[in-house]
Amino acid sequence: MAIFNTKTRILSLSSSIHDLLISKGLQADLLPREVRSYTLSEDGYLEVFLDGPCLTKYENRVFFESVVRANLTYRSLTGVVGLSQEERFLWLPVIDITQLSLSLFEDPPYCKPQGIAFL
């Protein structure tokens, strides 16, 4: 079931963001478990709403803002805003994500609130 609002965005109620990623040829673990909701427009503009800013770890530490935005197409997220990763003590924005050959996790990772040192 989907609900359309006045901006022609779709709020998915029947599937998780992780199911959506899989249906688009991407890994479910690209976004953390703490996704509260998301909207997807007909042209592929995706907005993902988390409980709050948080940190997790893949190969490097990754910071998610409260809202992550991107253009979703089959096997890629482009124009990503709200996501950065640590590279040698620098935080760099993640701009594009494409389908990877191997997933780092089978399940989406947990994301700790900003300021909690666990990584």
N, C-alpha and C. Protein backbone atom coordinates (compact mmCIF):
# COMPACT_ATOMS: atom_id res chain seq x y z
N MET A 1 0.84 -1.18 0.00
CA MET A 1 0.00 0.00 0.00
C MET A 1 0.88 1.23 0.00
N ALA A 2 0.57 2.23 -0.78
CA ALA A 2 1.34 3.47 -0.84
C ALA A 2 0.37 4.65 -0.74
N ILE A 3 0.88 5.73 -0.19
CA ILE A 3 0.09 6.95 -0.05
C ILE A 3 0.78 8.03 -0.87
N PHE A 4 0.01 8.75 -1.69
CA PHE A 4 0.55 9.84 -2.48
C PHE A 4 0.22 11.15 -1.78
N ASN A 5 1.19 12.07 -1.72
CA ASN A 5 0.88 13.38 -1.16
C ASN A 5 0.89 14.40 -2.28
N THR A 6 0.74 15.67 -1.95
CA THR A 6 0.60 16.69 -2.96
C THR A 6 1.86 16.91 -3.78
N LYS A 7 2.99 16.48 -3.32
CA LYS A 7 4.23 16.64 -4.07
C LYS A 7 4.54 15.39 -4.90
N THR A 8 3.59 14.52 -5.09
CA THR A 8 3.71 13.26 -5.81
C THR A 8 4.79 12.36 -5.25
N ARG A 9 5.02 12.46 -3.99
CA ARG A 9 5.97 11.55 -3.35
C ARG A 9 5.20 10.36 -2.82
N ILE A 10 5.89 9.25 -2.77
CA ILE A 10 5.27 8.02 -2.29
C ILE A 10 5.87 7.68 -0.94
N LEU A 11 5.05 7.50 0.05
CA LEU A 11 5.51 7.03 1.34
C LEU A 11 5.18 5.55 1.41
N SER A 12 6.20 4.74 1.47
CA SER A 12 5.97 3.30 1.44
C SER A 12 5.57 2.82 2.82
N LEU A 13 4.46 2.14 2.89
CA LEU A 13 4.01 1.57 4.15
C LEU A 13 4.15 0.05 4.15
N SER A 14 4.24 -0.54 2.97
CA SER A 14 4.24 -1.99 2.89
C SER A 14 5.63 -2.61 2.84
N SER A 15 6.65 -1.83 2.52
CA SER A 15 7.99 -2.41 2.45
C SER A 15 8.98 -1.48 3.13
N SER A 16 10.05 -2.07 3.62
CA SER A 16 11.09 -1.29 4.27
C SER A 16 12.01 -0.68 3.23
N ILE A 17 12.80 0.29 3.65
CA ILE A 17 13.80 0.87 2.76
C ILE A 17 14.77 -0.21 2.32
N HIS A 18 15.03 -1.18 3.18
CA HIS A 18 15.97 -2.24 2.84
C HIS A 18 15.41 -3.15 1.74
N ASP A 19 14.10 -3.41 1.77
CA ASP A 19 13.46 -4.16 0.70
C ASP A 19 13.51 -3.37 -0.61
N LEU A 20 13.31 -2.05 -0.52
CA LEU A 20 13.37 -1.20 -1.70
C LEU A 20 14.77 -1.25 -2.33
N LEU A 21 15.81 -1.15 -1.49
CA LEU A 21 17.18 -1.21 -2.01
C LEU A 21 17.43 -2.52 -2.74
N ILE A 22 16.99 -3.62 -2.15
CA ILE A 22 17.17 -4.94 -2.78
C ILE A 22 16.43 -4.98 -4.12
N SER A 23 15.22 -4.44 -4.17
CA SER A 23 14.45 -4.46 -5.42
C SER A 23 15.11 -3.63 -6.51
N LYS A 24 15.99 -2.70 -6.12
CA LYS A 24 16.71 -1.86 -7.08
C LYS A 24 18.13 -2.37 -7.34
N GLY A 25 18.43 -3.60 -6.91
CA GLY A 25 19.73 -4.19 -7.19
C GLY A 25 20.84 -3.72 -6.28
N LEU A 26 20.49 -3.17 -5.13
CA LEU A 26 21.47 -2.69 -4.15
C LEU A 26 21.40 -3.55 -2.89
N GLN A 27 22.43 -3.47 -2.07
CA GLN A 27 22.45 -4.22 -0.82
C GLN A 27 21.58 -3.55 0.23
N ALA A 28 20.92 -4.35 1.02
CA ALA A 28 20.08 -3.84 2.11
C ALA A 28 20.91 -3.13 3.16
N ASP A 29 22.18 -3.49 3.29
CA ASP A 29 23.01 -2.93 4.35
C ASP A 29 23.60 -1.56 4.03
N LEU A 30 23.19 -0.93 2.93
CA LEU A 30 23.69 0.41 2.63
C LEU A 30 23.17 1.46 3.60
N LEU A 31 22.03 1.19 4.19
CA LEU A 31 21.44 2.11 5.17
C LEU A 31 21.24 1.36 6.48
N PRO A 32 21.37 2.07 7.60
CA PRO A 32 21.27 1.40 8.91
C PRO A 32 19.85 0.98 9.25
N ARG A 33 19.74 0.19 10.30
CA ARG A 33 18.44 -0.27 10.80
C ARG A 33 17.57 0.88 11.31
N GLU A 34 18.19 1.96 11.72
CA GLU A 34 17.47 3.05 12.37
C GLU A 34 16.69 3.96 11.42
N VAL A 35 16.43 3.52 10.21
CA VAL A 35 15.60 4.29 9.28
C VAL A 35 14.17 4.29 9.80
N ARG A 36 13.64 5.49 10.02
CA ARG A 36 12.28 5.64 10.53
C ARG A 36 11.26 5.57 9.40
N SER A 37 11.56 6.23 8.28
CA SER A 37 10.66 6.24 7.12
C SER A 37 11.44 6.74 5.90
N TYR A 38 10.77 6.69 4.78
CA TYR A 38 11.37 7.24 3.56
C TYR A 38 10.28 7.68 2.61
N THR A 39 10.65 8.57 1.69
CA THR A 39 9.76 8.96 0.61
C THR A 39 10.50 8.72 -0.69
N LEU A 40 9.76 8.38 -1.71
CA LEU A 40 10.33 8.15 -3.03
C LEU A 40 9.40 8.78 -4.06
N SER A 41 9.94 9.71 -4.84
CA SER A 41 9.10 10.34 -5.87
C SER A 41 9.09 9.47 -7.12
N GLU A 42 8.19 9.77 -8.00
CA GLU A 42 8.06 8.99 -9.22
C GLU A 42 9.31 9.07 -10.09
N ASP A 43 10.07 10.18 -9.96
CA ASP A 43 11.30 10.32 -10.76
C ASP A 43 12.53 9.73 -10.07
N GLY A 44 12.34 9.07 -8.92
CA GLY A 44 13.45 8.39 -8.25
C GLY A 44 14.13 9.18 -7.15
N TYR A 45 13.63 10.37 -6.82
CA TYR A 45 14.24 11.15 -5.74
C TYR A 45 13.85 10.52 -4.40
N LEU A 46 14.86 10.11 -3.65
CA LEU A 46 14.67 9.38 -2.41
C LEU A 46 15.07 10.23 -1.22
N GLU A 47 14.23 10.27 -0.20
CA GLU A 47 14.56 10.89 1.08
C GLU A 47 14.38 9.84 2.16
N VAL A 48 15.43 9.66 2.96
CA VAL A 48 15.43 8.66 4.01
C VAL A 48 15.53 9.38 5.35
N PHE A 49 14.62 9.10 6.26
CA PHE A 49 14.57 9.77 7.56
C PHE A 49 14.99 8.81 8.66
N LEU A 50 16.06 9.18 9.37
CA LEU A 50 16.56 8.37 10.47
C LEU A 50 16.08 8.95 11.79
N ASP A 51 16.25 8.20 12.87
CA ASP A 51 15.88 8.68 14.20
C ASP A 51 16.69 9.90 14.60
N GLY A 52 17.86 10.06 14.04
CA GLY A 52 18.75 11.18 14.34
C GLY A 52 20.10 10.91 13.70
N PRO A 53 21.01 11.88 13.76
CA PRO A 53 22.34 11.65 13.21
C PRO A 53 23.00 10.48 13.93
N CYS A 54 23.78 9.69 13.19
CA CYS A 54 24.40 8.53 13.81
C CYS A 54 25.65 8.06 13.06
N LEU A 55 26.42 7.24 13.75
CA LEU A 55 27.66 6.67 13.21
C LEU A 55 27.56 5.16 13.16
N THR A 56 28.14 4.58 12.13
CA THR A 56 28.28 3.13 12.04
C THR A 56 29.60 2.83 11.37
N LYS A 57 29.89 1.56 11.20
CA LYS A 57 31.16 1.19 10.58
C LYS A 57 30.97 0.10 9.54
N TYR A 58 31.51 0.34 8.37
CA TYR A 58 31.63 -0.66 7.32
C TYR A 58 33.13 -0.95 7.28
N GLU A 59 33.81 -0.66 6.17
CA GLU A 59 35.27 -0.72 6.16
C GLU A 59 35.83 0.48 6.91
N ASN A 60 35.15 1.62 6.80
CA ASN A 60 35.50 2.87 7.49
C ASN A 60 34.29 3.31 8.32
N ARG A 61 34.53 4.30 9.19
CA ARG A 61 33.40 4.87 9.91
C ARG A 61 32.56 5.69 8.95
N VAL A 62 31.24 5.62 9.14
CA VAL A 62 30.29 6.30 8.27
C VAL A 62 29.34 7.11 9.14
N PHE A 63 29.09 8.37 8.74
CA PHE A 63 28.18 9.25 9.45
C PHE A 63 26.95 9.50 8.60
N PHE A 64 25.78 9.25 9.19
CA PHE A 64 24.50 9.53 8.55
C PHE A 64 23.87 10.73 9.24
N GLU A 65 23.46 11.72 8.47
CA GLU A 65 22.68 12.82 9.02
C GLU A 65 21.25 12.33 9.26
N SER A 66 20.43 13.15 9.86
CA SER A 66 19.04 12.76 10.14
C SER A 66 18.24 12.46 8.89
N VAL A 67 18.60 13.14 7.80
CA VAL A 67 17.94 12.92 6.51
C VAL A 67 19.02 12.68 5.46
N VAL A 68 18.87 11.61 4.72
CA VAL A 68 19.77 11.30 3.60
C VAL A 68 18.95 11.38 2.33
N ARG A 69 19.48 12.10 1.33
CA ARG A 69 18.77 12.28 0.06
C ARG A 69 19.64 11.77 -1.08
N ALA A 70 18.99 11.22 -2.11
CA ALA A 70 19.71 10.74 -3.29
C ALA A 70 18.73 10.46 -4.41
N ASN A 71 19.26 10.29 -5.58
CA ASN A 71 18.48 9.83 -6.73
C ASN A 71 18.70 8.33 -6.84
N LEU A 72 17.62 7.59 -6.78
CA LEU A 72 17.67 6.13 -6.81
C LEU A 72 17.33 5.62 -8.20
N THR A 73 18.27 4.87 -8.78
CA THR A 73 18.04 4.17 -10.03
C THR A 73 18.48 2.73 -9.82
N TYR A 74 18.27 1.89 -10.81
CA TYR A 74 18.66 0.50 -10.66
C TYR A 74 20.17 0.42 -10.47
N ARG A 75 20.59 -0.18 -9.37
CA ARG A 75 21.97 -0.43 -8.98
C ARG A 75 22.78 0.81 -8.61
N SER A 76 22.12 1.95 -8.33
CA SER A 76 22.90 3.11 -7.89
C SER A 76 22.08 4.14 -7.13
N LEU A 77 22.77 4.84 -6.27
CA LEU A 77 22.28 6.04 -5.59
C LEU A 77 23.24 7.15 -6.01
N THR A 78 22.73 8.19 -6.64
CA THR A 78 23.59 9.29 -7.09
C THR A 78 23.16 10.59 -6.45
N GLY A 79 24.08 11.55 -6.42
CA GLY A 79 23.78 12.84 -5.82
C GLY A 79 23.45 12.73 -4.35
N VAL A 80 24.12 11.83 -3.65
CA VAL A 80 23.83 11.57 -2.24
C VAL A 80 24.18 12.80 -1.39
N VAL A 81 23.27 13.16 -0.49
CA VAL A 81 23.47 14.26 0.46
C VAL A 81 23.10 13.72 1.84
N GLY A 82 23.95 14.00 2.84
CA GLY A 82 23.64 13.57 4.20
C GLY A 82 24.39 12.33 4.63
N LEU A 83 25.43 11.97 3.90
CA LEU A 83 26.21 10.77 4.20
C LEU A 83 27.69 11.08 3.97
N SER A 84 28.52 10.76 4.95
CA SER A 84 29.96 10.96 4.79
C SER A 84 30.71 9.80 5.43
N GLN A 85 31.95 9.61 4.99
CA GLN A 85 32.77 8.53 5.55
C GLN A 85 34.13 9.07 5.92
N GLU A 86 34.72 8.43 6.91
CA GLU A 86 36.03 8.85 7.39
C GLU A 86 37.11 8.16 6.56
N GLU A 87 38.03 8.96 6.04
CA GLU A 87 39.18 8.47 5.28
C GLU A 87 40.43 9.12 5.85
N ARG A 88 41.22 8.34 6.56
CA ARG A 88 42.48 8.84 7.13
C ARG A 88 42.29 10.14 7.90
N PHE A 89 41.39 10.12 8.85
CA PHE A 89 41.12 11.23 9.76
C PHE A 89 40.38 12.41 9.12
N LEU A 90 39.93 12.26 7.89
CA LEU A 90 39.13 13.30 7.23
C LEU A 90 37.74 12.74 6.96
N TRP A 91 36.73 13.59 7.11
CA TRP A 91 35.35 13.19 6.79
C TRP A 91 35.04 13.70 5.39
N LEU A 92 34.77 12.77 4.48
CA LEU A 92 34.50 13.10 3.08
C LEU A 92 33.06 12.75 2.73
N PRO A 93 32.40 13.60 1.95
CA PRO A 93 31.02 13.28 1.56
C PRO A 93 30.99 12.08 0.62
N VAL A 94 29.96 11.28 0.77
CA VAL A 94 29.71 10.19 -0.16
C VAL A 94 28.72 10.75 -1.18
N ILE A 95 29.09 10.73 -2.45
CA ILE A 95 28.26 11.34 -3.48
C ILE A 95 27.48 10.31 -4.28
N ASP A 96 28.13 9.21 -4.61
CA ASP A 96 27.48 8.17 -5.40
C ASP A 96 27.74 6.81 -4.78
N ILE A 97 26.76 5.93 -4.87
CA ILE A 97 26.89 4.55 -4.41
C ILE A 97 26.39 3.66 -5.53
N THR A 98 27.20 2.70 -5.92
CA THR A 98 26.76 1.74 -6.93
C THR A 98 26.76 0.35 -6.32
N GLN A 99 26.11 -0.55 -6.98
CA GLN A 99 26.00 -1.93 -6.50
C GLN A 99 27.39 -2.52 -6.36
N LEU A 100 27.65 -3.13 -5.21
CA LEU A 100 28.93 -3.76 -4.93
C LEU A 100 28.81 -5.26 -5.19
N SER A 101 29.93 -5.88 -5.51
CA SER A 101 29.88 -7.30 -5.82
C SER A 101 29.63 -8.15 -4.58
N LEU A 102 30.14 -7.73 -3.43
CA LEU A 102 29.94 -8.47 -2.19
C LEU A 102 29.42 -7.54 -1.13
N SER A 103 28.49 -8.00 -0.35
CA SER A 103 27.96 -7.20 0.75
C SER A 103 28.84 -7.37 1.97
N LEU A 104 29.04 -6.29 2.71
CA LEU A 104 29.86 -6.35 3.91
C LEU A 104 29.10 -6.97 5.07
N PHE A 105 27.79 -6.85 5.07
CA PHE A 105 26.93 -7.41 6.11
C PHE A 105 25.77 -8.09 5.42
N GLU A 106 25.23 -9.10 6.06
CA GLU A 106 24.01 -9.69 5.52
C GLU A 106 22.80 -8.85 5.91
N ASP A 107 22.87 -8.22 7.06
CA ASP A 107 21.77 -7.41 7.57
C ASP A 107 22.24 -5.97 7.70
N PRO A 108 21.31 -5.01 7.66
CA PRO A 108 21.68 -3.61 7.87
C PRO A 108 22.36 -3.43 9.22
N PRO A 109 23.38 -2.57 9.29
CA PRO A 109 24.09 -2.37 10.55
C PRO A 109 23.29 -1.50 11.52
N TYR A 110 23.67 -1.59 12.78
CA TYR A 110 23.12 -0.67 13.78
C TYR A 110 23.92 0.62 13.70
N CYS A 111 23.28 1.72 13.97
CA CYS A 111 23.91 3.03 13.90
C CYS A 111 23.77 3.68 15.28
N LYS A 112 24.89 4.10 15.86
CA LYS A 112 24.90 4.69 17.20
C LYS A 112 24.70 6.20 17.09
N PRO A 113 23.97 6.80 18.02
CA PRO A 113 23.79 8.26 18.00
C PRO A 113 25.13 8.97 18.02
N GLN A 114 25.17 10.11 17.34
CA GLN A 114 26.39 10.90 17.27
C GLN A 114 26.89 11.21 18.67
N GLY A 115 28.19 11.08 18.87
CA GLY A 115 28.79 11.37 20.16
C GLY A 115 29.06 10.14 20.99
N ILE A 116 28.49 8.99 20.61
CA ILE A 116 28.77 7.75 21.35
C ILE A 116 29.98 7.09 20.71
N ALA A 117 31.03 6.94 21.48
CA ALA A 117 32.27 6.34 20.96
C ALA A 117 32.19 4.83 21.03
N PHE A 118 32.07 4.19 19.91
CA PHE A 118 32.07 2.73 19.88
C PHE A 118 32.91 2.21 18.73
N LEU A 119 33.35 3.09 17.88
CA LEU A 119 34.04 2.64 16.69
C LEU A 119 35.52 2.78 16.84
